[in-house]
All heavy atoms as atom14 arrays in JSON, in Angstrom:
{
  "sequence": "LVDLTRRSGGRVIAAGTTVVRALETAARGPQAGWTSLVVTEETG",
  "atom14_mask": [
    [1, 1, 1, 1, 1, 1, 1, 1, 0, 0, 0, 0, 0, 0],
    [1, 1, 1, 1, 1, 1, 1, 0, 0, 0, 0, 0, 0, 0],
    [1, 1, 1, 1, 1, 1, 1, 1, 0, 0, 0, 0, 0, 0],
    [1, 1, 1, 1, 1, 1, 1, 1, 0, 0, 0, 0, 0, 0],
    [1, 1, 1, 1, 1, 1, 1, 0, 0, 0, 0, 0, 0, 0],
    [1, 1, 1, 1, 1, 1, 1, 1, 1, 1, 1, 0, 0, 0],
    [1, 1, 1, 1, 1, 1, 1, 1, 1, 1, 1, 0, 0, 0],
    [1, 1, 1, 1, 1, 1, 0, 0, 0, 0, 0, 0, 0, 0],
    [1, 1, 1, 1, 0, 0, 0, 0, 0, 0, 0, 0, 0, 0],
    [1, 1, 1, 1, 0, 0, 0, 0, 0, 0, 0, 0, 0, 0],
    [1, 1, 1, 1, 1, 1, 1, 1, 1, 1, 1, 0, 0, 0],
    [1, 1, 1, 1, 1, 1, 1, 0, 0, 0, 0, 0, 0, 0],
    [1, 1, 1, 1, 1, 1, 1, 1, 0, 0, 0, 0, 0, 0],
    [1, 1, 1, 1, 1, 0, 0, 0, 0, 0, 0, 0, 0, 0],
    [1, 1, 1, 1, 1, 0, 0, 0, 0, 0, 0, 0, 0, 0],
    [1, 1, 1, 1, 0, 0, 0, 0, 0, 0, 0, 0, 0, 0],
    [1, 1, 1, 1, 1, 1, 1, 0, 0, 0, 0, 0, 0, 0],
    [1, 1, 1, 1, 1, 1, 1, 0, 0, 0, 0, 0, 0, 0],
    [1, 1, 1, 1, 1, 1, 1, 0, 0, 0, 0, 0, 0, 0],
    [1, 1, 1, 1, 1, 1, 1, 0, 0, 0, 0, 0, 0, 0],
    [1, 1, 1, 1, 1, 1, 1, 1, 1, 1, 1, 0, 0, 0],
    [1, 1, 1, 1, 1, 0, 0, 0, 0, 0, 0, 0, 0, 0],
    [1, 1, 1, 1, 1, 1, 1, 1, 0, 0, 0, 0, 0, 0],
    [1, 1, 1, 1, 1, 1, 1, 1, 1, 0, 0, 0, 0, 0],
    [1, 1, 1, 1, 1, 1, 1, 0, 0, 0, 0, 0, 0, 0],
    [1, 1, 1, 1, 1, 0, 0, 0, 0, 0, 0, 0, 0, 0],
    [1, 1, 1, 1, 1, 0, 0, 0, 0, 0, 0, 0, 0, 0],
    [1, 1, 1, 1, 1, 1, 1, 1, 1, 1, 1, 0, 0, 0],
    [1, 1, 1, 1, 0, 0, 0, 0, 0, 0, 0, 0, 0, 0],
    [1, 1, 1, 1, 1, 1, 1, 0, 0, 0, 0, 0, 0, 0],
    [1, 1, 1, 1, 1, 1, 1, 1, 1, 0, 0, 0, 0, 0],
    [1, 1, 1, 1, 1, 0, 0, 0, 0, 0, 0, 0, 0, 0],
    [1, 1, 1, 1, 0, 0, 0, 0, 0, 0, 0, 0, 0, 0],
    [1, 1, 1, 1, 1, 1, 1, 1, 1, 1, 1, 1, 1, 1],
    [1, 1, 1, 1, 1, 1, 1, 0, 0, 0, 0, 0, 0, 0],
    [1, 1, 1, 1, 1, 1, 0, 0, 0, 0, 0, 0, 0, 0],
    [1, 1, 1, 1, 1, 1, 1, 1, 0, 0, 0, 0, 0, 0],
    [1, 1, 1, 1, 1, 1, 1, 0, 0, 0, 0, 0, 0, 0],
    [1, 1, 1, 1, 1, 1, 1, 0, 0, 0, 0, 0, 0, 0],
    [1, 1, 1, 1, 1, 1, 1, 0, 0, 0, 0, 0, 0, 0],
    [1, 1, 1, 1, 1, 1, 1, 1, 1, 0, 0, 0, 0, 0],
    [1, 1, 1, 1, 1, 1, 1, 1, 1, 0, 0, 0, 0, 0],
    [1, 1, 1, 1, 1, 1, 1, 0, 0, 0, 0, 0, 0, 0],
    [1, 1, 1, 1, 0, 0, 0, 0, 0, 0, 0, 0, 0, 0]
  ],
  "atom14_positions": [
    [[78.45, -6.63, 78.52], [77.44, -6.45, 79.54], [77.05, -7.8, 80.23], [76.96, -7.77, 81.43], [76.35, -5.6, 79.06], [76.37, -4.21, 78.88], [75.2, -3.56, 78.09], [76.58, -3.46, 80.29], [0.0, 0.0, 0.0], [0.0, 0.0, 0.0], [0.0, 0.0, 0.0], [0.0, 0.0, 0.0], [0.0, 0.0, 0.0], [0.0, 0.0, 0.0]],
    [[76.91, -8.76, 79.46], [76.57, -10.04, 80.03], [77.58, -10.43, 80.87], [77.5, -11.04, 82.04], [76.4, -11.1, 78.95], [76.17, -12.54, 79.46], [75.06, -10.74, 78.21], [0.0, 0.0, 0.0], [0.0, 0.0, 0.0], [0.0, 0.0, 0.0], [0.0, 0.0, 0.0], [0.0, 0.0, 0.0], [0.0, 0.0, 0.0], [0.0, 0.0, 0.0]],
    [[78.84, -10.38, 80.48], [80.1, -10.75, 81.27], [80.19, -9.94, 82.47], [80.45, -10.57, 83.62], [81.37, -10.58, 80.39], [82.59, -11.2, 80.93], [82.5, -12.09, 81.89], [83.6, -11.01, 80.39], [0.0, 0.0, 0.0], [0.0, 0.0, 0.0], [0.0, 0.0, 0.0], [0.0, 0.0, 0.0], [0.0, 0.0, 0.0], [0.0, 0.0, 0.0]],
    [[80.04, -8.63, 82.38], [80.21, -7.71, 83.38], [79.23, -7.98, 84.53], [79.45, -8.07, 85.78], [80.18, -6.36, 83.07], [80.18, -5.18, 84.12], [81.44, -5.23, 84.86], [79.98, -3.91, 83.53], [0.0, 0.0, 0.0], [0.0, 0.0, 0.0], [0.0, 0.0, 0.0], [0.0, 0.0, 0.0], [0.0, 0.0, 0.0], [0.0, 0.0, 0.0]],
    [[77.96, -8.23, 84.02], [76.72, -8.51, 84.97], [77.03, -9.69, 85.85], [76.78, -9.65, 86.99], [75.44, -8.61, 84.23], [75.2, -7.33, 83.54], [74.26, -9.01, 85.06], [0.0, 0.0, 0.0], [0.0, 0.0, 0.0], [0.0, 0.0, 0.0], [0.0, 0.0, 0.0], [0.0, 0.0, 0.0], [0.0, 0.0, 0.0], [0.0, 0.0, 0.0]],
    [[77.41, -10.84, 85.13], [77.65, -11.97, 85.93], [78.9, -11.94, 86.83], [78.82, -12.53, 87.9], [77.88, -13.2, 84.86], [76.62, -13.44, 83.99], [76.83, -14.69, 83.14], [75.61, -15.46, 83.12], [75.6, -16.76, 83.04], [76.74, -17.45, 82.91], [74.52, -17.34, 83.09], [0.0, 0.0, 0.0], [0.0, 0.0, 0.0], [0.0, 0.0, 0.0]],
    [[79.91, -11.13, 86.43], [81.06, -11.15, 87.25], [80.85, -10.24, 88.43], [81.44, -10.5, 89.5], [82.29, -10.52, 86.42], [82.9, -11.38, 85.45], [84.03, -10.8, 84.66], [84.57, -11.65, 83.72], [85.41, -12.57, 83.96], [85.93, -12.73, 85.15], [85.96, -13.43, 82.95], [0.0, 0.0, 0.0], [0.0, 0.0, 0.0], [0.0, 0.0, 0.0]],
    [[79.91, -9.32, 88.36], [79.49, -8.51, 89.47], [78.43, -8.97, 90.29], [77.94, -8.24, 91.21], [79.16, -7.08, 89.01], [78.07, -7.13, 88.19], [0.0, 0.0, 0.0], [0.0, 0.0, 0.0], [0.0, 0.0, 0.0], [0.0, 0.0, 0.0], [0.0, 0.0, 0.0], [0.0, 0.0, 0.0], [0.0, 0.0, 0.0], [0.0, 0.0, 0.0]],
    [[77.94, -10.18, 89.97], [76.9, -10.81, 90.82], [75.49, -10.59, 90.4], [74.55, -10.95, 91.15], [0.0, 0.0, 0.0], [0.0, 0.0, 0.0], [0.0, 0.0, 0.0], [0.0, 0.0, 0.0], [0.0, 0.0, 0.0], [0.0, 0.0, 0.0], [0.0, 0.0, 0.0], [0.0, 0.0, 0.0], [0.0, 0.0, 0.0], [0.0, 0.0, 0.0]],
    [[75.19, -9.86, 89.19], [73.94, -9.56, 88.81], [73.38, -10.76, 88.09], [74.08, -11.78, 87.8], [0.0, 0.0, 0.0], [0.0, 0.0, 0.0], [0.0, 0.0, 0.0], [0.0, 0.0, 0.0], [0.0, 0.0, 0.0], [0.0, 0.0, 0.0], [0.0, 0.0, 0.0], [0.0, 0.0, 0.0], [0.0, 0.0, 0.0], [0.0, 0.0, 0.0]],
    [[72.22, -10.63, 87.51], [71.45, -11.76, 86.91], [71.1, -11.26, 85.49], [70.71, -10.16, 85.29], [70.21, -12.1, 87.52], [70.35, -12.63, 89.07], [69.17, -12.77, 89.64], [68.27, -11.64, 89.89], [67.18, -11.6, 90.34], [66.66, -12.75, 90.95], [66.45, -10.38, 90.39], [0.0, 0.0, 0.0], [0.0, 0.0, 0.0], [0.0, 0.0, 0.0]],
    [[71.29, -12.12, 84.43], [71.04, -11.83, 83.1], [69.64, -12.39, 82.86], [69.43, -13.74, 82.87], [72.04, -12.44, 82.11], [71.62, -12.22, 80.61], [73.49, -11.86, 82.33], [0.0, 0.0, 0.0], [0.0, 0.0, 0.0], [0.0, 0.0, 0.0], [0.0, 0.0, 0.0], [0.0, 0.0, 0.0], [0.0, 0.0, 0.0], [0.0, 0.0, 0.0]],
    [[68.65, -11.59, 82.5], [67.25, -12.0, 82.28], [66.96, -11.83, 80.76], [67.0, -10.81, 80.26], [66.22, -11.22, 83.06], [66.71, -11.17, 84.51], [64.76, -11.7, 82.82], [66.68, -12.49, 85.23], [0.0, 0.0, 0.0], [0.0, 0.0, 0.0], [0.0, 0.0, 0.0], [0.0, 0.0, 0.0], [0.0, 0.0, 0.0], [0.0, 0.0, 0.0]],
    [[66.78, -13.0, 80.14], [66.38, -12.96, 78.64], [64.95, -12.57, 78.55], [64.07, -13.39, 79.04], [66.8, -14.24, 78.13], [0.0, 0.0, 0.0], [0.0, 0.0, 0.0], [0.0, 0.0, 0.0], [0.0, 0.0, 0.0], [0.0, 0.0, 0.0], [0.0, 0.0, 0.0], [0.0, 0.0, 0.0], [0.0, 0.0, 0.0], [0.0, 0.0, 0.0]],
    [[64.66, -11.61, 77.68], [63.3, -11.3, 77.4], [62.81, -12.19, 76.12], [62.84, -11.69, 74.98], [63.13, -9.8, 77.15], [0.0, 0.0, 0.0], [0.0, 0.0, 0.0], [0.0, 0.0, 0.0], [0.0, 0.0, 0.0], [0.0, 0.0, 0.0], [0.0, 0.0, 0.0], [0.0, 0.0, 0.0], [0.0, 0.0, 0.0], [0.0, 0.0, 0.0]],
    [[62.53, -13.39, 76.27], [62.14, -14.27, 75.23], [63.04, -15.42, 74.9], [64.22, -15.32, 75.1], [0.0, 0.0, 0.0], [0.0, 0.0, 0.0], [0.0, 0.0, 0.0], [0.0, 0.0, 0.0], [0.0, 0.0, 0.0], [0.0, 0.0, 0.0], [0.0, 0.0, 0.0], [0.0, 0.0, 0.0], [0.0, 0.0, 0.0], [0.0, 0.0, 0.0]],
    [[62.51, -16.43, 74.35], [63.21, -17.67, 73.98], [64.18, -17.39, 72.98], [65.18, -17.97, 72.81], [62.26, -18.83, 73.74], [61.42, -18.4, 72.55], [61.5, -19.15, 74.77], [0.0, 0.0, 0.0], [0.0, 0.0, 0.0], [0.0, 0.0, 0.0], [0.0, 0.0, 0.0], [0.0, 0.0, 0.0], [0.0, 0.0, 0.0], [0.0, 0.0, 0.0]],
    [[63.82, -16.36, 72.01], [64.79, -15.92, 70.92], [66.0, -15.39, 71.51], [67.17, -15.66, 71.04], [64.09, -15.01, 70.02], [63.72, -13.79, 70.64], [62.88, -15.53, 69.36], [0.0, 0.0, 0.0], [0.0, 0.0, 0.0], [0.0, 0.0, 0.0], [0.0, 0.0, 0.0], [0.0, 0.0, 0.0], [0.0, 0.0, 0.0], [0.0, 0.0, 0.0]],
    [[65.95, -14.64, 72.5], [67.1, -14.04, 73.23], [67.99, -15.15, 73.82], [69.13, -15.14, 73.78], [66.68, -13.01, 74.18], [67.98, -12.49, 75.0], [65.9, -11.83, 73.63], [0.0, 0.0, 0.0], [0.0, 0.0, 0.0], [0.0, 0.0, 0.0], [0.0, 0.0, 0.0], [0.0, 0.0, 0.0], [0.0, 0.0, 0.0], [0.0, 0.0, 0.0]],
    [[67.32, -16.12, 74.52], [68.09, -17.18, 75.06], [68.84, -17.89, 73.9], [70.1, -18.3, 74.11], [67.18, -18.24, 75.69], [67.99, -19.37, 76.2], [66.45, -17.58, 77.0], [0.0, 0.0, 0.0], [0.0, 0.0, 0.0], [0.0, 0.0, 0.0], [0.0, 0.0, 0.0], [0.0, 0.0, 0.0], [0.0, 0.0, 0.0], [0.0, 0.0, 0.0]],
    [[68.25, -18.19, 72.84], [68.92, -19.01, 71.73], [70.11, -18.04, 71.11], [71.19, -18.72, 70.88], [67.87, -19.14, 70.51], [68.41, -20.19, 69.63], [67.41, -20.44, 68.54], [67.53, -21.79, 67.84], [67.16, -22.3, 66.7], [66.33, -21.36, 66.04], [67.39, -23.38, 66.3], [0.0, 0.0, 0.0], [0.0, 0.0, 0.0], [0.0, 0.0, 0.0]],
    [[69.95, -16.75, 71.06], [71.07, -15.96, 70.6], [72.23, -15.93, 71.59], [73.37, -16.1, 71.24], [70.58, -14.66, 70.18], [0.0, 0.0, 0.0], [0.0, 0.0, 0.0], [0.0, 0.0, 0.0], [0.0, 0.0, 0.0], [0.0, 0.0, 0.0], [0.0, 0.0, 0.0], [0.0, 0.0, 0.0], [0.0, 0.0, 0.0], [0.0, 0.0, 0.0]],
    [[71.83, -15.7, 72.87], [73.0, -15.48, 73.93], [73.64, -16.87, 74.01], [74.9, -16.86, 74.11], [72.28, -15.07, 75.18], [71.84, -13.69, 75.32], [71.18, -13.45, 76.68], [72.96, -12.66, 75.1], [0.0, 0.0, 0.0], [0.0, 0.0, 0.0], [0.0, 0.0, 0.0], [0.0, 0.0, 0.0], [0.0, 0.0, 0.0], [0.0, 0.0, 0.0]],
    [[72.95, -17.96, 74.19], [73.53, -19.27, 74.33], [74.41, -19.73, 73.11], [75.35, -20.37, 73.3], [72.47, -20.33, 74.8], [71.77, -20.08, 76.05], [72.71, -20.0, 77.12], [73.71, -20.84, 77.11], [72.62, -19.26, 78.23], [0.0, 0.0, 0.0], [0.0, 0.0, 0.0], [0.0, 0.0, 0.0], [0.0, 0.0, 0.0], [0.0, 0.0, 0.0]],
    [[73.95, -19.38, 71.98], [74.75, -19.69, 70.79], [76.02, -18.83, 70.82], [77.16, -19.36, 70.53], [74.0, -19.36, 69.48], [72.81, -20.09, 69.39], [74.86, -19.66, 68.22], [0.0, 0.0, 0.0], [0.0, 0.0, 0.0], [0.0, 0.0, 0.0], [0.0, 0.0, 0.0], [0.0, 0.0, 0.0], [0.0, 0.0, 0.0], [0.0, 0.0, 0.0]],
    [[75.97, -17.47, 71.05], [77.13, -16.67, 71.09], [78.07, -17.03, 72.33], [79.32, -16.99, 72.16], [76.78, -15.18, 71.38], [0.0, 0.0, 0.0], [0.0, 0.0, 0.0], [0.0, 0.0, 0.0], [0.0, 0.0, 0.0], [0.0, 0.0, 0.0], [0.0, 0.0, 0.0], [0.0, 0.0, 0.0], [0.0, 0.0, 0.0], [0.0, 0.0, 0.0]],
    [[77.57, -17.66, 73.31], [78.44, -18.22, 74.46], [79.22, -19.37, 74.05], [80.22, -19.67, 74.71], [77.53, -18.4, 75.68], [0.0, 0.0, 0.0], [0.0, 0.0, 0.0], [0.0, 0.0, 0.0], [0.0, 0.0, 0.0], [0.0, 0.0, 0.0], [0.0, 0.0, 0.0], [0.0, 0.0, 0.0], [0.0, 0.0, 0.0], [0.0, 0.0, 0.0]],
    [[78.77, -19.97, 73.0], [79.42, -21.29, 72.59], [80.24, -20.99, 71.31], [80.88, -22.03, 70.91], [78.41, -22.28, 72.29], [77.59, -22.83, 73.58], [76.43, -23.52, 73.26], [75.84, -24.27, 74.41], [75.06, -23.71, 75.35], [74.88, -22.43, 75.33], [74.64, -24.44, 76.28], [0.0, 0.0, 0.0], [0.0, 0.0, 0.0], [0.0, 0.0, 0.0]],
    [[80.09, -19.94, 70.71], [80.84, -19.68, 69.41], [80.71, -18.21, 68.8], [80.78, -17.45, 69.63], [0.0, 0.0, 0.0], [0.0, 0.0, 0.0], [0.0, 0.0, 0.0], [0.0, 0.0, 0.0], [0.0, 0.0, 0.0], [0.0, 0.0, 0.0], [0.0, 0.0, 0.0], [0.0, 0.0, 0.0], [0.0, 0.0, 0.0], [0.0, 0.0, 0.0]],
    [[80.55, -18.19, 67.36], [80.46, -16.81, 66.93], [79.33, -15.94, 67.58], [78.27, -16.53, 68.02], [80.33, -17.09, 65.46], [80.69, -18.52, 65.26], [80.45, -19.23, 66.52], [0.0, 0.0, 0.0], [0.0, 0.0, 0.0], [0.0, 0.0, 0.0], [0.0, 0.0, 0.0], [0.0, 0.0, 0.0], [0.0, 0.0, 0.0], [0.0, 0.0, 0.0]],
    [[79.58, -14.58, 67.47], [78.54, -13.77, 68.07], [77.47, -13.29, 67.06], [76.64, -12.61, 67.43], [79.22, -12.58, 68.87], [79.96, -12.95, 70.1], [80.55, -11.69, 70.73], [81.4, -11.9, 71.64], [80.22, -10.54, 70.37], [0.0, 0.0, 0.0], [0.0, 0.0, 0.0], [0.0, 0.0, 0.0], [0.0, 0.0, 0.0], [0.0, 0.0, 0.0]],
    [[77.68, -13.85, 65.91], [76.64, -13.47, 64.91], [76.79, -14.6, 63.84], [77.71, -15.3, 63.61], [76.93, -12.03, 64.2], [0.0, 0.0, 0.0], [0.0, 0.0, 0.0], [0.0, 0.0, 0.0], [0.0, 0.0, 0.0], [0.0, 0.0, 0.0], [0.0, 0.0, 0.0], [0.0, 0.0, 0.0], [0.0, 0.0, 0.0], [0.0, 0.0, 0.0]],
    [[75.64, -14.84, 63.13], [75.47, -15.83, 62.09], [74.22, -16.57, 62.17], [73.16, -15.91, 62.31], [0.0, 0.0, 0.0], [0.0, 0.0, 0.0], [0.0, 0.0, 0.0], [0.0, 0.0, 0.0], [0.0, 0.0, 0.0], [0.0, 0.0, 0.0], [0.0, 0.0, 0.0], [0.0, 0.0, 0.0], [0.0, 0.0, 0.0], [0.0, 0.0, 0.0]],
    [[74.31, -17.77, 61.9], [73.13, -18.77, 61.92], [73.11, -19.77, 63.07], [74.29, -20.3, 63.27], [72.88, -19.41, 60.63], [72.67, -18.57, 59.49], [73.39, -17.81, 58.71], [71.31, -18.22, 58.93], [72.69, -16.89, 57.87], [71.35, -17.3, 58.04], [70.02, -18.69, 59.28], [70.31, -16.82, 57.22], [68.9, -18.33, 58.67], [68.96, -17.31, 57.6]],
    [[72.15, -19.91, 63.79], [71.97, -20.81, 64.84], [71.05, -21.97, 64.64], [69.91, -21.78, 64.28], [71.85, -20.13, 66.27], [71.84, -21.01, 67.3], [70.45, -19.36, 66.24], [0.0, 0.0, 0.0], [0.0, 0.0, 0.0], [0.0, 0.0, 0.0], [0.0, 0.0, 0.0], [0.0, 0.0, 0.0], [0.0, 0.0, 0.0], [0.0, 0.0, 0.0]],
    [[71.57, -23.09, 64.91], [70.7, -24.34, 65.01], [70.5, -24.98, 66.57], [70.05, -25.96, 66.63], [71.22, -25.36, 64.09], [71.31, -25.05, 62.76], [0.0, 0.0, 0.0], [0.0, 0.0, 0.0], [0.0, 0.0, 0.0], [0.0, 0.0, 0.0], [0.0, 0.0, 0.0], [0.0, 0.0, 0.0], [0.0, 0.0, 0.0], [0.0, 0.0, 0.0]],
    [[71.05, -24.17, 67.38], [71.09, -24.5, 68.84], [69.72, -24.8, 69.37], [68.86, -23.84, 69.18], [71.82, -23.6, 69.59], [71.94, -23.95, 71.13], [72.72, -25.19, 71.43], [72.61, -22.76, 71.93], [0.0, 0.0, 0.0], [0.0, 0.0, 0.0], [0.0, 0.0, 0.0], [0.0, 0.0, 0.0], [0.0, 0.0, 0.0], [0.0, 0.0, 0.0]],
    [[69.44, -25.84, 69.88], [68.27, -26.11, 70.75], [68.58, -26.1, 72.14], [69.14, -27.15, 72.42], [67.45, -27.39, 70.12], [66.18, -27.55, 70.99], [67.14, -27.32, 68.78], [0.0, 0.0, 0.0], [0.0, 0.0, 0.0], [0.0, 0.0, 0.0], [0.0, 0.0, 0.0], [0.0, 0.0, 0.0], [0.0, 0.0, 0.0], [0.0, 0.0, 0.0]],
    [[68.24, -25.24, 72.94], [68.7, -25.1, 74.32], [67.63, -25.98, 75.14], [66.42, -25.96, 75.02], [68.51, -23.72, 74.84], [68.82, -23.59, 76.4], [69.45, -22.83, 74.03], [0.0, 0.0, 0.0], [0.0, 0.0, 0.0], [0.0, 0.0, 0.0], [0.0, 0.0, 0.0], [0.0, 0.0, 0.0], [0.0, 0.0, 0.0], [0.0, 0.0, 0.0]],
    [[68.21, -26.91, 76.02], [67.41, -27.91, 76.77], [68.16, -27.95, 78.14], [69.14, -27.41, 78.38], [67.4, -29.26, 76.1], [68.75, -29.77, 76.14], [66.8, -29.27, 74.65], [0.0, 0.0, 0.0], [0.0, 0.0, 0.0], [0.0, 0.0, 0.0], [0.0, 0.0, 0.0], [0.0, 0.0, 0.0], [0.0, 0.0, 0.0], [0.0, 0.0, 0.0]],
    [[67.4, -28.75, 78.9], [68.1, -29.08, 80.28], [69.49, -29.74, 80.15], [70.31, -29.5, 80.92], [67.12, -29.9, 81.06], [67.55, -30.5, 82.36], [66.63, -31.32, 83.1], [65.71, -31.81, 82.47], [66.79, -31.48, 84.32], [0.0, 0.0, 0.0], [0.0, 0.0, 0.0], [0.0, 0.0, 0.0], [0.0, 0.0, 0.0], [0.0, 0.0, 0.0]],
    [[69.6, -30.57, 78.98], [70.77, -31.2, 78.85], [71.94, -30.29, 78.32], [73.08, -30.44, 78.73], [70.54, -32.35, 77.83], [69.74, -33.59, 78.32], [68.29, -33.25, 78.3], [67.81, -32.34, 77.68], [67.64, -33.79, 79.24], [0.0, 0.0, 0.0], [0.0, 0.0, 0.0], [0.0, 0.0, 0.0], [0.0, 0.0, 0.0], [0.0, 0.0, 0.0]],
    [[71.6, -29.28, 77.53], [72.6, -28.39, 77.02], [73.07, -27.33, 78.26], [74.22, -27.01, 78.2], [72.11, -27.57, 75.82], [71.14, -26.6, 76.26], [71.58, -28.46, 74.61], [0.0, 0.0, 0.0], [0.0, 0.0, 0.0], [0.0, 0.0, 0.0], [0.0, 0.0, 0.0], [0.0, 0.0, 0.0], [0.0, 0.0, 0.0], [0.0, 0.0, 0.0]],
    [[72.13, -27.11, 79.11], [72.46, -26.18, 80.19], [72.55, -24.83, 79.57], [72.26, -24.46, 78.49], [0.0, 0.0, 0.0], [0.0, 0.0, 0.0], [0.0, 0.0, 0.0], [0.0, 0.0, 0.0], [0.0, 0.0, 0.0], [0.0, 0.0, 0.0], [0.0, 0.0, 0.0], [0.0, 0.0, 0.0], [0.0, 0.0, 0.0], [0.0, 0.0, 0.0]]
  ]
}
């Protein structure tokens, strides 16, 4: 759904910083597991 939304011009709105951390981790690697990612302006 994230992929489809972006491809069709919609926006993905994360309801909370926890959601951002999960989505951004999955976009960079496994879709489940443990994340140590700290999302910042530098990580994008």
